[in-house]
Amino acid sequence: MCSSDLLRSYFGSARSPPDALLGTTCSMLPESTIQWLNQLWIATILRDSPWMLPTVESIHMTCYSILFGSVLARNLRAFGWGLRETGGIDIGRQLRSWMLSALAGSIVTGLLLFLYEPGRFTKIDYFPFKIGLVLLAPLFEFVVRDKLRASPASEKGAASASTLLWLGLALAGLMVSLS
């Protein structure tokens, strides 16, 4: 439900909310784009098959679990916890291929989940936040974080920020799926 729908239901017809609170539309995309996405062959297959959506959701969750587990293992190592016999740089290098593969799988399956009901997703208030984190978390993990290895304190700060970004992405995904 859009925040404008919530405001309308709260204020009711007798007390109309200010137009500035409502915004012009709830959807992130024009209706013509949503209709076009709905008519794509892959969207039709996803909607028409009784087993495609659960399969894609399962793969999406598995990929994200692998990704978050790999990130968490790397971040815990920055604090000196877990896998102590392996150096921090070594574990980052060893987990990088797992992280990138799981990220690619999560993005592909996430796009497929979006195509299942694009009109619904674009009207969920948490969805833009999730998309922002989908862009920000990998950028931080694979670009910024590698440059913040100057000192143990900066590595711990980067590990904390990384964990918060990925956890935020998981929570945003949960909020989107429950909306």
Foldseek 3Di string as FASTA:
>chain_A
DAVLVVQCVVQDPVGDDDPVRNDDDLFPDDPVVQVVLCPDPLLVVCQPDPCNLVVLVVQLVVLLVQQLVLLLQLLVVLVVDDPNVDHSVRSCVVCVVSNVVSLVSNVVSVVSNCSNRVPLLRNQPLNVVLVVLNVVLVCLVPPVQVVQVPDSVSNNVSSVVNNVSSVVNVVSVVSSVVD
